[in-house]
Amino acid sequence: MKKLPLSCVPLGAVGFVDCVADISSKKRLVEMGFTKKARVIPLHISPGGDPVAYFVKCATKEPPSRSWTCSAM
């Protein structure tokens, strides 16, 4: 499985959180649902590139082998 930062996952592609690398905002990201194995889909990027809207759904099983694994940053 290919590992990428969350910011590099293409729009509409499905990614799965592997870990939260940014320690300073880890608590807030976990509160928003960015937990290990959570399914994340980038939905919309603003014209300036930031912020990005994500669909986040917690997963209870291993992600499929042909998907992205993300490190939320």
N, C-alpha and C. Protein backbone atom coordinates (compact mmCIF):
# COMPACT_ATOMS: atom_id res chain seq x y z
N MET A 1 0.85 -1.17 0.00
CA MET A 1 0.00 0.00 0.00
C MET A 1 0.90 1.24 0.00
N LYS A 2 0.57 2.21 -0.83
CA LYS A 2 1.37 3.42 -0.97
C LYS A 2 1.05 4.39 0.17
N LYS A 3 2.08 4.93 0.82
CA LYS A 3 1.88 5.88 1.91
C LYS A 3 2.18 7.29 1.41
N LEU A 4 1.23 8.19 1.67
CA LEU A 4 1.33 9.59 1.26
C LEU A 4 0.86 10.49 2.39
N PRO A 5 1.31 11.74 2.41
CA PRO A 5 0.66 12.71 3.30
C PRO A 5 -0.79 12.91 2.82
N LEU A 6 -1.67 13.21 3.71
CA LEU A 6 -3.08 13.40 3.36
C LEU A 6 -3.24 14.48 2.30
N SER A 7 -2.39 15.49 2.31
CA SER A 7 -2.49 16.58 1.35
C SER A 7 -2.20 16.13 -0.09
N CYS A 8 -1.60 14.97 -0.28
CA CYS A 8 -1.25 14.47 -1.62
C CYS A 8 -2.27 13.49 -2.19
N VAL A 9 -3.28 13.12 -1.42
CA VAL A 9 -4.30 12.19 -1.92
C VAL A 9 -5.19 12.95 -2.91
N PRO A 10 -5.37 12.43 -4.12
CA PRO A 10 -6.17 13.12 -5.14
C PRO A 10 -7.64 13.25 -4.74
N LEU A 11 -8.29 14.30 -5.26
CA LEU A 11 -9.72 14.49 -5.01
C LEU A 11 -10.50 13.25 -5.39
N GLY A 12 -11.41 12.83 -4.52
CA GLY A 12 -12.27 11.68 -4.79
C GLY A 12 -11.64 10.33 -4.52
N ALA A 13 -10.31 10.28 -4.30
CA ALA A 13 -9.65 9.02 -4.00
C ALA A 13 -9.88 8.66 -2.53
N VAL A 14 -9.87 7.39 -2.23
CA VAL A 14 -10.06 6.93 -0.85
C VAL A 14 -8.70 6.70 -0.23
N GLY A 15 -8.50 7.29 0.96
CA GLY A 15 -7.28 7.06 1.72
C GLY A 15 -7.63 6.55 3.09
N PHE A 16 -6.68 5.97 3.77
CA PHE A 16 -6.87 5.48 5.12
C PHE A 16 -5.76 6.05 5.99
N VAL A 17 -6.12 6.55 7.18
CA VAL A 17 -5.16 7.15 8.08
C VAL A 17 -4.27 6.07 8.68
N ASP A 18 -2.97 6.28 8.55
CA ASP A 18 -1.99 5.37 9.15
C ASP A 18 -1.53 5.93 10.49
N CYS A 19 -1.26 7.23 10.54
CA CYS A 19 -0.87 7.90 11.78
C CYS A 19 -1.07 9.40 11.62
N VAL A 20 -1.11 10.11 12.73
CA VAL A 20 -1.17 11.57 12.71
C VAL A 20 0.22 12.06 13.06
N ALA A 21 0.90 12.66 12.08
CA ALA A 21 2.29 13.05 12.26
C ALA A 21 2.47 14.39 12.96
N ASP A 22 1.49 15.28 12.85
CA ASP A 22 1.61 16.61 13.44
C ASP A 22 1.20 16.55 14.91
N ILE A 23 2.19 16.47 15.78
CA ILE A 23 1.93 16.33 17.21
C ILE A 23 1.16 17.52 17.78
N SER A 24 1.43 18.74 17.28
CA SER A 24 0.81 19.94 17.85
C SER A 24 -0.71 19.96 17.64
N SER A 25 -1.22 19.34 16.58
CA SER A 25 -2.66 19.34 16.33
C SER A 25 -3.27 17.94 16.39
N LYS A 26 -2.53 16.97 16.93
CA LYS A 26 -3.01 15.59 16.96
C LYS A 26 -4.34 15.45 17.70
N LYS A 27 -4.47 16.08 18.85
CA LYS A 27 -5.70 15.95 19.64
C LYS A 27 -6.91 16.44 18.84
N ARG A 28 -6.78 17.58 18.17
CA ARG A 28 -7.90 18.13 17.40
C ARG A 28 -8.24 17.24 16.20
N LEU A 29 -7.22 16.72 15.52
CA LEU A 29 -7.46 15.84 14.37
C LEU A 29 -8.17 14.55 14.80
N VAL A 30 -7.76 14.00 15.94
CA VAL A 30 -8.42 12.79 16.46
C VAL A 30 -9.87 13.09 16.83
N GLU A 31 -10.12 14.27 17.43
CA GLU A 31 -11.49 14.66 17.77
C GLU A 31 -12.37 14.77 16.52
N MET A 32 -11.78 15.15 15.38
CA MET A 32 -12.53 15.28 14.13
C MET A 32 -12.68 13.95 13.40
N GLY A 33 -12.07 12.88 13.93
CA GLY A 33 -12.26 11.56 13.34
C GLY A 33 -11.06 11.01 12.59
N PHE A 34 -9.95 11.75 12.56
CA PHE A 34 -8.74 11.27 11.88
C PHE A 34 -8.00 10.30 12.79
N THR A 35 -8.55 9.11 12.94
CA THR A 35 -7.95 8.08 13.79
C THR A 35 -7.38 6.98 12.90
N LYS A 36 -6.55 6.12 13.47
CA LYS A 36 -5.92 5.06 12.69
C LYS A 36 -6.98 4.22 11.99
N LYS A 37 -6.77 3.97 10.71
CA LYS A 37 -7.65 3.18 9.83
C LYS A 37 -8.93 3.91 9.43
N ALA A 38 -9.07 5.20 9.78
CA ALA A 38 -10.25 5.96 9.36
C ALA A 38 -10.18 6.18 7.85
N ARG A 39 -11.31 6.04 7.18
CA ARG A 39 -11.38 6.26 5.74
C ARG A 39 -11.52 7.76 5.49
N VAL A 40 -10.70 8.30 4.60
CA VAL A 40 -10.68 9.74 4.33
C VAL A 40 -10.77 9.95 2.82
N ILE A 41 -11.69 10.82 2.41
CA ILE A 41 -11.85 11.14 0.99
C ILE A 41 -11.80 12.66 0.82
N PRO A 42 -10.79 13.19 0.12
CA PRO A 42 -10.78 14.63 -0.17
C PRO A 42 -11.93 14.98 -1.10
N LEU A 43 -12.78 15.93 -0.70
CA LEU A 43 -13.97 16.27 -1.48
C LEU A 43 -13.84 17.56 -2.27
N HIS A 44 -13.18 18.57 -1.68
CA HIS A 44 -13.12 19.88 -2.32
C HIS A 44 -11.88 20.63 -1.86
N ILE A 45 -11.20 21.25 -2.81
CA ILE A 45 -10.05 22.10 -2.49
C ILE A 45 -10.44 23.54 -2.84
N SER A 46 -10.20 24.46 -1.92
CA SER A 46 -10.52 25.86 -2.19
C SER A 46 -9.61 26.40 -3.29
N PRO A 47 -9.98 27.49 -3.94
CA PRO A 47 -9.16 28.03 -5.02
C PRO A 47 -7.71 28.32 -4.62
N GLY A 48 -7.48 28.68 -3.38
CA GLY A 48 -6.13 28.95 -2.91
C GLY A 48 -5.37 27.70 -2.48
N GLY A 49 -6.06 26.56 -2.45
CA GLY A 49 -5.42 25.30 -2.08
C GLY A 49 -5.59 24.92 -0.62
N ASP A 50 -5.99 25.85 0.21
CA ASP A 50 -6.17 25.58 1.63
C ASP A 50 -7.34 26.42 2.10
N PRO A 51 -8.37 25.92 2.72
CA PRO A 51 -8.51 24.57 3.27
C PRO A 51 -9.02 23.55 2.26
N VAL A 52 -9.00 22.30 2.69
CA VAL A 52 -9.52 21.18 1.92
C VAL A 52 -10.64 20.54 2.74
N ALA A 53 -11.75 20.21 2.08
CA ALA A 53 -12.86 19.53 2.76
C ALA A 53 -12.66 18.02 2.60
N TYR A 54 -12.79 17.29 3.70
CA TYR A 54 -12.62 15.83 3.69
C TYR A 54 -13.85 15.15 4.23
N PHE A 55 -14.17 13.99 3.68
CA PHE A 55 -15.15 13.08 4.27
C PHE A 55 -14.34 12.10 5.11
N VAL A 56 -14.69 11.96 6.41
CA VAL A 56 -13.95 11.08 7.31
C VAL A 56 -14.93 10.07 7.90
N LYS A 57 -14.59 8.80 7.78
CA LYS A 57 -15.40 7.73 8.34
C LYS A 57 -14.48 6.73 9.02
N CYS A 58 -14.74 6.43 10.27
CA CYS A 58 -13.90 5.47 11.00
C CYS A 58 -14.08 4.07 10.44
N ALA A 59 -13.01 3.34 10.39
CA ALA A 59 -13.02 1.97 9.86
C ALA A 59 -12.76 0.98 10.98
N THR A 60 -13.35 -0.19 10.85
CA THR A 60 -13.14 -1.22 11.87
C THR A 60 -12.40 -2.42 11.32
N LYS A 61 -12.07 -2.39 10.02
CA LYS A 61 -11.33 -3.49 9.44
C LYS A 61 -10.17 -2.95 8.61
N GLU A 62 -9.31 -3.83 8.15
CA GLU A 62 -8.16 -3.43 7.36
C GLU A 62 -8.61 -2.80 6.05
N PRO A 63 -7.92 -1.74 5.60
CA PRO A 63 -8.27 -1.13 4.32
C PRO A 63 -7.96 -2.07 3.16
N PRO A 64 -8.67 -1.92 2.04
CA PRO A 64 -8.38 -2.75 0.86
C PRO A 64 -6.95 -2.53 0.40
N SER A 65 -6.37 -3.49 -0.28
CA SER A 65 -4.96 -3.42 -0.66
C SER A 65 -4.68 -2.38 -1.74
N ARG A 66 -5.67 -1.96 -2.52
CA ARG A 66 -5.44 -1.02 -3.60
C ARG A 66 -5.88 0.40 -3.23
N SER A 67 -5.60 0.86 -2.02
CA SER A 67 -5.99 2.21 -1.62
C SER A 67 -4.77 2.91 -1.03
N TRP A 68 -4.94 4.17 -0.74
CA TRP A 68 -3.86 4.99 -0.20
C TRP A 68 -3.86 4.91 1.32
N THR A 69 -2.69 4.95 1.92
CA THR A 69 -2.57 5.08 3.36
C THR A 69 -2.00 6.46 3.62
N CYS A 70 -2.65 7.22 4.48
CA CYS A 70 -2.28 8.63 4.66
C CYS A 70 -1.69 8.88 6.03
N SER A 71 -0.85 9.88 6.09
CA SER A 71 -0.40 10.44 7.34
C SER A 71 -1.02 11.83 7.42
N ALA A 72 -1.99 12.01 8.29
CA ALA A 72 -2.68 13.30 8.39
C ALA A 72 -1.71 14.36 8.88
N MET A 73 -1.66 15.47 8.19
CA MET A 73 -0.75 16.57 8.57
C MET A 73 -1.51 17.85 8.67
